[in-house]
Amino acid sequence: MEAVIRPCAAADCGEVMRLIRELAEFEKLPDQVQTSDQALREDGFASNPFYRCLVVEVPPECRSREGHTIVGYALYFFTYSTWKGRNLYLEDLYVMPEFRGKGFGKKLLGKTAEIGLENGCTQLKFAVLDWNRAAIDFYQGRGAVDLTAAEGWHCFRFEGEALERLAWGQPGP
């Protein structure tokens, strides 16, 4: 199935919000979502945006059972490490269940890593819930390092050769 990985547009914020709610349901934390599509537009498309986002868009003939063509997203922002310099933090990576296993998550992650490298980042950091074994395996299978299991979260990073392998679509170690 063909899909396009592209930057999120302000007009996509309603669809991204829908996906954020789906992710929150999956993570068993639906009550934690306090943002809105309006806030996403204001925060992501101002002169100094707080985040950036990529979306996965499939052609209309491949849309979801509910009629959606935006079927995944990666929301990220730039951070800074006093030891390593520029960093990229991946807040969310999500693909609708009916579109998993088609390589969309790998493409979103790879494109995010590529953006990080293009901007001089040395690490790609993110957190995964400790019970989400599929996500942990997905990231570790691409070279992510588990930094800590404190507070029920696993913190990972890609750096050096692992970040380059990820960006260029090469297999992990």
N, C-alpha and C. Protein backbone atom coordinates (compact mmCIF):
# COMPACT_ATOMS: atom_id res chain seq x y z
N MET A 1 0.85 -1.18 0.00
CA MET A 1 0.00 0.00 0.00
C MET A 1 0.89 1.24 0.00
N GLU A 2 0.61 2.13 -0.90
CA GLU A 2 1.36 3.39 -0.97
C GLU A 2 0.82 4.37 0.05
N ALA A 3 1.72 5.13 0.61
CA ALA A 3 1.35 6.19 1.54
C ALA A 3 2.39 7.29 1.41
N VAL A 4 2.01 8.48 1.81
CA VAL A 4 2.91 9.62 1.80
C VAL A 4 3.18 10.01 3.24
N ILE A 5 4.46 10.19 3.57
CA ILE A 5 4.85 10.76 4.85
C ILE A 5 5.14 12.22 4.55
N ARG A 6 4.39 13.12 5.18
CA ARG A 6 4.54 14.54 4.89
C ARG A 6 4.40 15.36 6.16
N PRO A 7 4.88 16.61 6.13
CA PRO A 7 4.67 17.48 7.29
C PRO A 7 3.18 17.72 7.50
N CYS A 8 2.80 17.76 8.74
CA CYS A 8 1.42 18.08 9.11
C CYS A 8 1.13 19.52 8.69
N ALA A 9 -0.06 19.75 8.16
CA ALA A 9 -0.54 21.09 7.85
C ALA A 9 -1.54 21.50 8.93
N ALA A 10 -1.74 22.79 9.09
CA ALA A 10 -2.70 23.27 10.10
C ALA A 10 -4.07 22.63 9.89
N ALA A 11 -4.45 22.41 8.65
CA ALA A 11 -5.75 21.80 8.34
C ALA A 11 -5.83 20.34 8.80
N ASP A 12 -4.70 19.71 9.10
CA ASP A 12 -4.67 18.32 9.54
C ASP A 12 -4.86 18.17 11.04
N CYS A 13 -4.88 19.26 11.79
CA CYS A 13 -4.87 19.18 13.26
C CYS A 13 -6.07 18.42 13.83
N GLY A 14 -7.23 18.51 13.21
CA GLY A 14 -8.38 17.75 13.67
C GLY A 14 -8.13 16.25 13.56
N GLU A 15 -7.54 15.83 12.46
CA GLU A 15 -7.23 14.42 12.27
C GLU A 15 -6.12 13.96 13.22
N VAL A 16 -5.11 14.80 13.44
CA VAL A 16 -4.05 14.45 14.38
C VAL A 16 -4.64 14.34 15.79
N MET A 17 -5.55 15.23 16.14
CA MET A 17 -6.19 15.16 17.45
C MET A 17 -6.96 13.85 17.61
N ARG A 18 -7.63 13.42 16.55
CA ARG A 18 -8.33 12.13 16.58
C ARG A 18 -7.35 11.00 16.87
N LEU A 19 -6.19 11.03 16.22
CA LEU A 19 -5.18 10.00 16.43
C LEU A 19 -4.59 10.08 17.84
N ILE A 20 -4.41 11.28 18.37
CA ILE A 20 -3.92 11.45 19.74
C ILE A 20 -4.90 10.80 20.72
N ARG A 21 -6.19 10.98 20.49
CA ARG A 21 -7.19 10.36 21.36
C ARG A 21 -7.15 8.84 21.24
N GLU A 22 -6.97 8.33 20.02
CA GLU A 22 -6.84 6.88 19.83
C GLU A 22 -5.64 6.35 20.61
N LEU A 23 -4.52 7.05 20.52
CA LEU A 23 -3.33 6.63 21.25
C LEU A 23 -3.59 6.65 22.75
N ALA A 24 -4.24 7.68 23.25
CA ALA A 24 -4.53 7.76 24.68
C ALA A 24 -5.44 6.60 25.12
N GLU A 25 -6.40 6.23 24.29
CA GLU A 25 -7.25 5.06 24.60
C GLU A 25 -6.40 3.80 24.67
N PHE A 26 -5.51 3.62 23.69
CA PHE A 26 -4.63 2.45 23.67
C PHE A 26 -3.76 2.40 24.92
N GLU A 27 -3.27 3.54 25.35
CA GLU A 27 -2.40 3.61 26.52
C GLU A 27 -3.19 3.59 27.83
N LYS A 28 -4.51 3.45 27.73
CA LYS A 28 -5.40 3.38 28.89
C LYS A 28 -5.36 4.66 29.71
N LEU A 29 -5.17 5.79 29.02
CA LEU A 29 -5.10 7.10 29.67
C LEU A 29 -5.95 8.14 28.94
N PRO A 30 -7.19 7.79 28.55
CA PRO A 30 -7.97 8.76 27.75
C PRO A 30 -8.27 10.05 28.49
N ASP A 31 -8.34 10.00 29.81
CA ASP A 31 -8.66 11.21 30.58
C ASP A 31 -7.49 12.18 30.67
N GLN A 32 -6.31 11.76 30.23
CA GLN A 32 -5.12 12.61 30.33
C GLN A 32 -5.03 13.62 29.19
N VAL A 33 -5.78 13.41 28.12
CA VAL A 33 -5.72 14.31 26.96
C VAL A 33 -6.44 15.61 27.30
N GLN A 34 -5.68 16.70 27.33
CA GLN A 34 -6.26 17.99 27.67
C GLN A 34 -6.10 19.01 26.55
N THR A 35 -5.46 18.65 25.48
CA THR A 35 -5.26 19.58 24.37
C THR A 35 -6.43 19.48 23.40
N SER A 36 -6.41 20.28 22.38
CA SER A 36 -7.48 20.30 21.37
C SER A 36 -6.86 20.53 20.00
N ASP A 37 -7.66 20.35 18.97
CA ASP A 37 -7.14 20.63 17.63
C ASP A 37 -6.82 22.12 17.49
N GLN A 38 -7.57 22.99 18.15
CA GLN A 38 -7.27 24.42 18.12
C GLN A 38 -5.91 24.69 18.76
N ALA A 39 -5.64 24.06 19.90
CA ALA A 39 -4.35 24.23 20.57
C ALA A 39 -3.22 23.68 19.69
N LEU A 40 -3.47 22.56 19.02
CA LEU A 40 -2.46 22.01 18.11
C LEU A 40 -2.14 23.02 17.01
N ARG A 41 -3.18 23.65 16.46
CA ARG A 41 -2.96 24.66 15.41
C ARG A 41 -2.15 25.84 15.96
N GLU A 42 -2.54 26.34 17.10
CA GLU A 42 -1.85 27.50 17.69
C GLU A 42 -0.41 27.17 18.07
N ASP A 43 -0.20 25.98 18.64
CA ASP A 43 1.13 25.62 19.13
C ASP A 43 2.07 25.12 18.04
N GLY A 44 1.51 24.59 16.99
CA GLY A 44 2.36 24.01 15.95
C GLY A 44 2.55 24.89 14.73
N PHE A 45 1.74 25.94 14.61
CA PHE A 45 1.79 26.73 13.38
C PHE A 45 1.93 28.22 13.65
N ALA A 46 2.46 28.55 14.81
CA ALA A 46 2.77 29.94 15.16
C ALA A 46 4.15 30.28 14.59
N SER A 47 4.58 31.52 14.77
CA SER A 47 5.89 31.92 14.25
C SER A 47 7.03 31.18 14.95
N ASN A 48 6.82 30.75 16.18
CA ASN A 48 7.82 29.97 16.91
C ASN A 48 7.13 28.71 17.44
N PRO A 49 6.96 27.68 16.60
CA PRO A 49 6.16 26.52 17.00
C PRO A 49 6.79 25.73 18.15
N PHE A 50 5.91 25.16 18.98
CA PHE A 50 6.35 24.34 20.10
C PHE A 50 6.64 22.90 19.67
N TYR A 51 6.09 22.47 18.56
CA TYR A 51 6.28 21.11 18.09
C TYR A 51 6.23 21.10 16.57
N ARG A 52 6.63 19.97 16.04
CA ARG A 52 6.47 19.68 14.61
C ARG A 52 5.86 18.30 14.50
N CYS A 53 5.30 18.03 13.34
CA CYS A 53 4.56 16.78 13.21
C CYS A 53 4.63 16.29 11.77
N LEU A 54 4.74 14.99 11.62
CA LEU A 54 4.63 14.32 10.33
C LEU A 54 3.35 13.49 10.35
N VAL A 55 2.72 13.34 9.20
CA VAL A 55 1.54 12.48 9.10
C VAL A 55 1.75 11.44 8.00
N VAL A 56 1.06 10.33 8.16
CA VAL A 56 0.98 9.29 7.13
C VAL A 56 -0.37 9.46 6.45
N GLU A 57 -0.34 9.68 5.14
CA GLU A 57 -1.58 9.83 4.39
C GLU A 57 -1.65 8.77 3.31
N VAL A 58 -2.75 8.03 3.30
CA VAL A 58 -2.98 7.01 2.28
C VAL A 58 -3.93 7.57 1.23
N PRO A 59 -3.91 7.01 0.03
CA PRO A 59 -4.84 7.49 -1.01
C PRO A 59 -6.30 7.21 -0.61
N PRO A 60 -7.22 7.99 -1.14
CA PRO A 60 -8.65 7.81 -0.78
C PRO A 60 -9.15 6.39 -0.96
N GLU A 61 -8.65 5.69 -1.96
CA GLU A 61 -9.14 4.32 -2.19
C GLU A 61 -8.63 3.34 -1.13
N CYS A 62 -7.67 3.76 -0.30
CA CYS A 62 -7.13 2.91 0.77
C CYS A 62 -7.54 3.40 2.15
N ARG A 63 -8.47 4.35 2.22
CA ARG A 63 -8.84 4.96 3.50
C ARG A 63 -9.30 3.92 4.53
N SER A 64 -9.34 4.33 5.77
CA SER A 64 -9.73 3.44 6.87
C SER A 64 -11.21 3.07 6.77
N ARG A 65 -11.60 2.11 7.58
CA ARG A 65 -13.00 1.69 7.61
C ARG A 65 -13.93 2.87 7.92
N GLU A 66 -13.41 3.83 8.71
CA GLU A 66 -14.21 5.00 9.08
C GLU A 66 -14.08 6.13 8.06
N GLY A 67 -13.26 5.94 7.02
CA GLY A 67 -13.13 6.94 5.97
C GLY A 67 -11.96 7.89 6.11
N HIS A 68 -11.02 7.59 7.01
CA HIS A 68 -9.87 8.48 7.23
C HIS A 68 -8.73 8.16 6.27
N THR A 69 -8.08 9.20 5.77
CA THR A 69 -6.88 9.01 4.94
C THR A 69 -5.60 9.34 5.71
N ILE A 70 -5.69 10.10 6.78
CA ILE A 70 -4.53 10.31 7.65
C ILE A 70 -4.60 9.22 8.71
N VAL A 71 -3.61 8.31 8.66
CA VAL A 71 -3.70 7.08 9.45
C VAL A 71 -2.57 6.93 10.46
N GLY A 72 -1.69 7.92 10.56
CA GLY A 72 -0.61 7.87 11.54
C GLY A 72 0.07 9.21 11.65
N TYR A 73 0.85 9.37 12.72
CA TYR A 73 1.58 10.62 12.91
C TYR A 73 2.79 10.40 13.80
N ALA A 74 3.73 11.31 13.69
CA ALA A 74 4.88 11.40 14.59
C ALA A 74 4.97 12.86 15.01
N LEU A 75 4.86 13.13 16.30
CA LEU A 75 4.93 14.49 16.82
C LEU A 75 6.25 14.62 17.59
N TYR A 76 7.04 15.62 17.26
CA TYR A 76 8.37 15.76 17.84
C TYR A 76 8.70 17.23 18.08
N PHE A 77 9.76 17.45 18.85
CA PHE A 77 10.26 18.80 19.07
C PHE A 77 11.75 18.73 19.39
N PHE A 78 12.39 19.86 19.27
CA PHE A 78 13.83 19.94 19.50
C PHE A 78 14.10 20.22 20.97
N THR A 79 15.11 19.56 21.51
CA THR A 79 15.55 19.78 22.88
C THR A 79 17.06 19.98 22.86
N TYR A 80 17.62 20.12 24.03
CA TYR A 80 19.05 20.36 24.10
C TYR A 80 19.65 19.60 25.28
N SER A 81 20.75 18.93 25.03
CA SER A 81 21.50 18.24 26.07
C SER A 81 22.76 19.03 26.37
N THR A 82 22.99 19.32 27.63
CA THR A 82 24.21 20.05 27.98
C THR A 82 25.46 19.22 27.72
N TRP A 83 25.31 17.91 27.62
CA TRP A 83 26.46 17.05 27.35
C TRP A 83 26.61 16.73 25.87
N LYS A 84 25.50 16.64 25.16
CA LYS A 84 25.54 16.19 23.76
C LYS A 84 25.10 17.24 22.75
N GLY A 85 24.54 18.35 23.20
CA GLY A 85 24.09 19.39 22.28
C GLY A 85 22.66 19.16 21.82
N ARG A 86 22.41 19.39 20.56
CA ARG A 86 21.06 19.34 19.99
C ARG A 86 20.47 17.92 20.04
N ASN A 87 19.21 17.86 20.41
CA ASN A 87 18.46 16.60 20.50
C ASN A 87 17.09 16.76 19.88
N LEU A 88 16.49 15.65 19.53
CA LEU A 88 15.12 15.61 19.05
C LEU A 88 14.35 14.70 20.00
N TYR A 89 13.19 15.15 20.46
CA TYR A 89 12.35 14.34 21.33
C TYR A 89 11.10 13.94 20.57
N LEU A 90 10.87 12.64 20.49
CA LEU A 90 9.69 12.09 19.83
C LEU A 90 8.61 11.90 20.88
N GLU A 91 7.63 12.77 20.88
CA GLU A 91 6.55 12.71 21.87
C GLU A 91 5.61 11.55 21.58
N ASP A 92 5.20 11.41 20.33
CA ASP A 92 4.29 10.33 19.94
C ASP A 92 4.67 9.79 18.57
N LEU A 93 4.52 8.49 18.41
CA LEU A 93 4.54 7.85 17.11
C LEU A 93 3.37 6.88 17.14
N TYR A 94 2.42 7.05 16.23
CA TYR A 94 1.20 6.24 16.26
C TYR A 94 0.73 5.97 14.85
N VAL A 95 0.33 4.71 14.64
CA VAL A 95 -0.29 4.29 13.39
C VAL A 95 -1.56 3.53 13.77
N MET A 96 -2.66 3.83 13.11
CA MET A 96 -3.92 3.14 13.39
C MET A 96 -3.73 1.63 13.28
N PRO A 97 -4.35 0.86 14.17
CA PRO A 97 -4.15 -0.60 14.16
C PRO A 97 -4.36 -1.26 12.80
N GLU A 98 -5.36 -0.85 12.04
CA GLU A 98 -5.63 -1.51 10.76
C GLU A 98 -4.55 -1.23 9.71
N PHE A 99 -3.64 -0.27 10.00
CA PHE A 99 -2.58 0.07 9.05
C PHE A 99 -1.19 -0.34 9.56
N ARG A 100 -1.15 -1.06 10.66
CA ARG A 100 0.14 -1.52 11.18
C ARG A 100 0.64 -2.70 10.36
N GLY A 101 1.95 -2.91 10.41
CA GLY A 101 2.55 -4.01 9.68
C GLY A 101 2.81 -3.69 8.21
N LYS A 102 2.62 -2.45 7.82
CA LYS A 102 2.82 -2.03 6.43
C LYS A 102 4.06 -1.16 6.27
N GLY A 103 4.82 -0.98 7.35
CA GLY A 103 6.04 -0.19 7.30
C GLY A 103 5.86 1.29 7.57
N PHE A 104 4.63 1.72 7.89
CA PHE A 104 4.40 3.15 8.11
C PHE A 104 5.12 3.66 9.36
N GLY A 105 5.11 2.88 10.43
CA GLY A 105 5.81 3.28 11.64
C GLY A 105 7.30 3.40 11.42
N LYS A 106 7.87 2.45 10.69
CA LYS A 106 9.30 2.51 10.36
C LYS A 106 9.62 3.75 9.54
N LYS A 107 8.75 4.06 8.59
CA LYS A 107 8.98 5.24 7.74
C LYS A 107 8.86 6.53 8.55
N LEU A 108 7.86 6.60 9.43
CA LEU A 108 7.72 7.79 10.29
C LEU A 108 8.96 7.96 11.18
N LEU A 109 9.40 6.88 11.78
CA LEU A 109 10.56 6.95 12.66
C LEU A 109 11.81 7.32 11.89
N GLY A 110 11.99 6.72 10.73
CA GLY A 110 13.16 7.03 9.90
C GLY A 110 13.17 8.48 9.43
N LYS A 111 12.01 8.98 9.02
CA LYS A 111 11.93 10.39 8.58
C LYS A 111 12.19 11.33 9.76
N THR A 112 11.71 10.98 10.95
CA THR A 112 11.99 11.80 12.13
C THR A 112 13.49 11.81 12.41
N ALA A 113 14.13 10.67 12.33
CA ALA A 113 15.59 10.59 12.53
C ALA A 113 16.33 11.41 11.48
N GLU A 114 15.88 11.33 10.24
CA GLU A 114 16.49 12.11 9.16
C GLU A 114 16.39 13.61 9.44
N ILE A 115 15.23 14.06 9.90
CA ILE A 115 15.05 15.48 10.24
C ILE A 115 16.01 15.87 11.36
N GLY A 116 16.15 15.01 12.35
CA GLY A 116 17.09 15.27 13.43
C GLY A 116 18.51 15.44 12.93
N LEU A 117 18.95 14.52 12.09
CA LEU A 117 20.31 14.61 11.55
C LEU A 117 20.50 15.87 10.71
N GLU A 118 19.50 16.19 9.89
CA GLU A 118 19.58 17.41 9.06
C GLU A 118 19.71 18.68 9.91
N ASN A 119 19.23 18.61 11.16
CA ASN A 119 19.28 19.76 12.06
C ASN A 119 20.40 19.65 13.09
N GLY A 120 21.35 18.77 12.86
CA GLY A 120 22.52 18.65 13.73
C GLY A 120 22.27 17.97 15.06
N CYS A 121 21.19 17.21 15.17
CA CYS A 121 20.90 16.51 16.42
C CYS A 121 21.80 15.29 16.58
N THR A 122 22.17 15.02 17.83
CA THR A 122 23.02 13.87 18.13
C THR A 122 22.24 12.71 18.72
N GLN A 123 21.02 12.97 19.18
CA GLN A 123 20.20 11.93 19.80
C GLN A 123 18.74 12.11 19.43
N LEU A 124 18.01 11.00 19.43
CA LEU A 124 16.56 10.97 19.30
C LEU A 124 16.06 10.27 20.55
N LYS A 125 15.33 10.99 21.40
CA LYS A 125 14.88 10.45 22.67
C LYS A 125 13.36 10.32 22.68
N PHE A 126 12.88 9.37 23.50
CA PHE A 126 11.44 9.14 23.64
C PHE A 126 11.22 8.24 24.84
N ALA A 127 9.98 8.07 25.23
CA ALA A 127 9.61 7.20 26.34
C ALA A 127 8.54 6.23 25.86
N VAL A 128 8.54 5.05 26.47
CA VAL A 128 7.57 4.00 26.15
C VAL A 128 7.04 3.44 27.47
N LEU A 129 5.74 3.23 27.54
CA LEU A 129 5.18 2.61 28.73
C LEU A 129 5.77 1.21 28.93
N ASP A 130 6.03 0.83 30.17
CA ASP A 130 6.72 -0.43 30.44
C ASP A 130 5.95 -1.67 29.99
N TRP A 131 4.64 -1.60 29.85
CA TRP A 131 3.86 -2.75 29.43
C TRP A 131 3.71 -2.85 27.91
N ASN A 132 4.17 -1.85 27.17
CA ASN A 132 3.98 -1.85 25.71
C ASN A 132 5.14 -2.60 25.05
N ARG A 133 5.12 -3.92 25.20
CA ARG A 133 6.21 -4.77 24.72
C ARG A 133 6.41 -4.66 23.21
N ALA A 134 5.32 -4.51 22.46
CA ALA A 134 5.44 -4.41 21.00
C ALA A 134 6.24 -3.16 20.62
N ALA A 135 5.97 -2.03 21.29
CA ALA A 135 6.70 -0.79 20.99
C ALA A 135 8.16 -0.92 21.43
N ILE A 136 8.39 -1.49 22.61
CA ILE A 136 9.76 -1.67 23.09
C ILE A 136 10.56 -2.51 22.10
N ASP A 137 9.97 -3.61 21.65
CA ASP A 137 10.65 -4.47 20.67
C ASP A 137 10.88 -3.74 19.36
N PHE A 138 9.89 -2.95 18.92
CA PHE A 138 10.01 -2.18 17.68
C PHE A 138 11.22 -1.25 17.74
N TYR A 139 11.33 -0.47 18.81
CA TYR A 139 12.43 0.49 18.93
C TYR A 139 13.77 -0.20 19.16
N GLN A 140 13.81 -1.19 20.03
CA GLN A 140 15.08 -1.88 20.28
C GLN A 140 15.55 -2.63 19.03
N GLY A 141 14.62 -3.11 18.23
CA GLY A 141 14.97 -3.79 16.99
C GLY A 141 15.62 -2.87 15.98
N ARG A 142 15.54 -1.58 16.21
CA ARG A 142 16.16 -0.60 15.32
C ARG A 142 17.38 0.07 15.95
N GLY A 143 17.79 -0.42 17.13
CA GLY A 143 19.02 0.07 17.74
C GLY A 143 18.85 1.00 18.91
N ALA A 144 17.62 1.22 19.39
CA ALA A 144 17.42 2.10 20.55
C ALA A 144 17.99 1.46 21.80
N VAL A 145 18.48 2.29 22.71
CA VAL A 145 19.05 1.86 23.97
C VAL A 145 18.08 2.22 25.09
N ASP A 146 17.76 1.22 25.95
CA ASP A 146 16.88 1.45 27.10
C ASP A 146 17.70 2.10 28.21
N LEU A 147 17.39 3.35 28.54
CA LEU A 147 18.18 4.10 29.52
C LEU A 147 17.70 3.87 30.95
N THR A 148 16.42 3.71 31.15
CA THR A 148 15.93 3.54 32.51
C THR A 148 14.52 2.96 32.51
N ALA A 149 14.20 2.25 33.58
CA ALA A 149 12.84 1.74 33.74
C ALA A 149 12.18 2.42 34.94
N ALA A 150 12.74 3.51 35.40
CA ALA A 150 12.21 4.23 36.55
C ALA A 150 10.80 4.73 36.28
N GLU A 151 9.95 4.70 37.25
CA GLU A 151 8.59 5.23 37.20
C GLU A 151 7.71 4.58 36.14
N GLY A 152 8.02 3.37 35.77
CA GLY A 152 7.19 2.66 34.81
C GLY A 152 7.38 3.06 33.36
N TRP A 153 8.39 3.86 33.07
CA TRP A 153 8.69 4.28 31.70
C TRP A 153 10.05 3.75 31.30
N HIS A 154 10.18 3.46 30.04
CA HIS A 154 11.47 3.12 29.46
C HIS A 154 11.91 4.31 28.62
N CYS A 155 13.07 4.84 28.90
CA CYS A 155 13.60 5.97 28.15
C CYS A 155 14.67 5.45 27.20
N PHE A 156 14.60 5.88 25.95
CA PHE A 156 15.51 5.40 24.91
C PHE A 156 16.17 6.57 24.21
N ARG A 157 17.21 6.24 23.48
CA ARG A 157 17.80 7.21 22.58
C ARG A 157 18.46 6.48 21.42
N PHE A 158 18.52 7.16 20.31
CA PHE A 158 19.32 6.74 19.17
C PHE A 158 20.46 7.75 19.09
N GLU A 159 21.66 7.27 18.85
CA GLU A 159 22.77 8.19 18.64
C GLU A 159 23.84 7.50 17.81
N GLY A 160 24.73 8.31 17.29
CA GLY A 160 25.85 7.76 16.53
C GLY A 160 25.41 6.87 15.39
N GLU A 161 26.03 5.71 15.33
CA GLU A 161 25.77 4.79 14.23
C GLU A 161 24.32 4.30 14.21
N ALA A 162 23.72 4.11 15.39
CA ALA A 162 22.32 3.65 15.43
C ALA A 162 21.39 4.70 14.83
N LEU A 163 21.63 5.98 15.10
CA LEU A 163 20.82 7.06 14.54
C LEU A 163 21.00 7.12 13.02
N GLU A 164 22.23 6.97 12.59
CA GLU A 164 22.48 6.98 11.14
C GLU A 164 21.84 5.78 10.46
N ARG A 165 21.96 4.58 11.07
CA ARG A 165 21.32 3.39 10.48
C ARG A 165 19.81 3.61 10.38
N LEU A 166 19.22 4.17 11.42
CA LEU A 166 17.79 4.42 11.41
C LEU A 166 17.40 5.38 10.30
N ALA A 167 18.13 6.49 10.19
CA ALA A 167 17.82 7.50 9.18
C ALA A 167 17.96 6.95 7.77
N TRP A 168 18.91 6.05 7.57
CA TRP A 168 19.18 5.56 6.22
C TRP A 168 18.50 4.21 5.94
N GLY A 169 17.63 3.78 6.89
CA GLY A 169 16.86 2.57 6.65
C GLY A 169 17.65 1.28 6.74
N GLN A 170 18.78 1.33 7.43
CA GLN A 170 19.59 0.12 7.58
C GLN A 170 19.17 -0.61 8.84
N PRO A 171 19.34 -1.93 8.88
CA PRO A 171 18.92 -2.70 10.05
C PRO A 171 19.76 -2.38 11.29
N GLY A 172 19.19 -2.64 12.45
CA GLY A 172 19.89 -2.44 13.72
C GLY A 172 20.99 -3.47 13.90
N PRO A 173 21.64 -3.38 15.04
CA PRO A 173 22.78 -4.29 15.30
C PRO A 173 22.39 -5.75 15.32
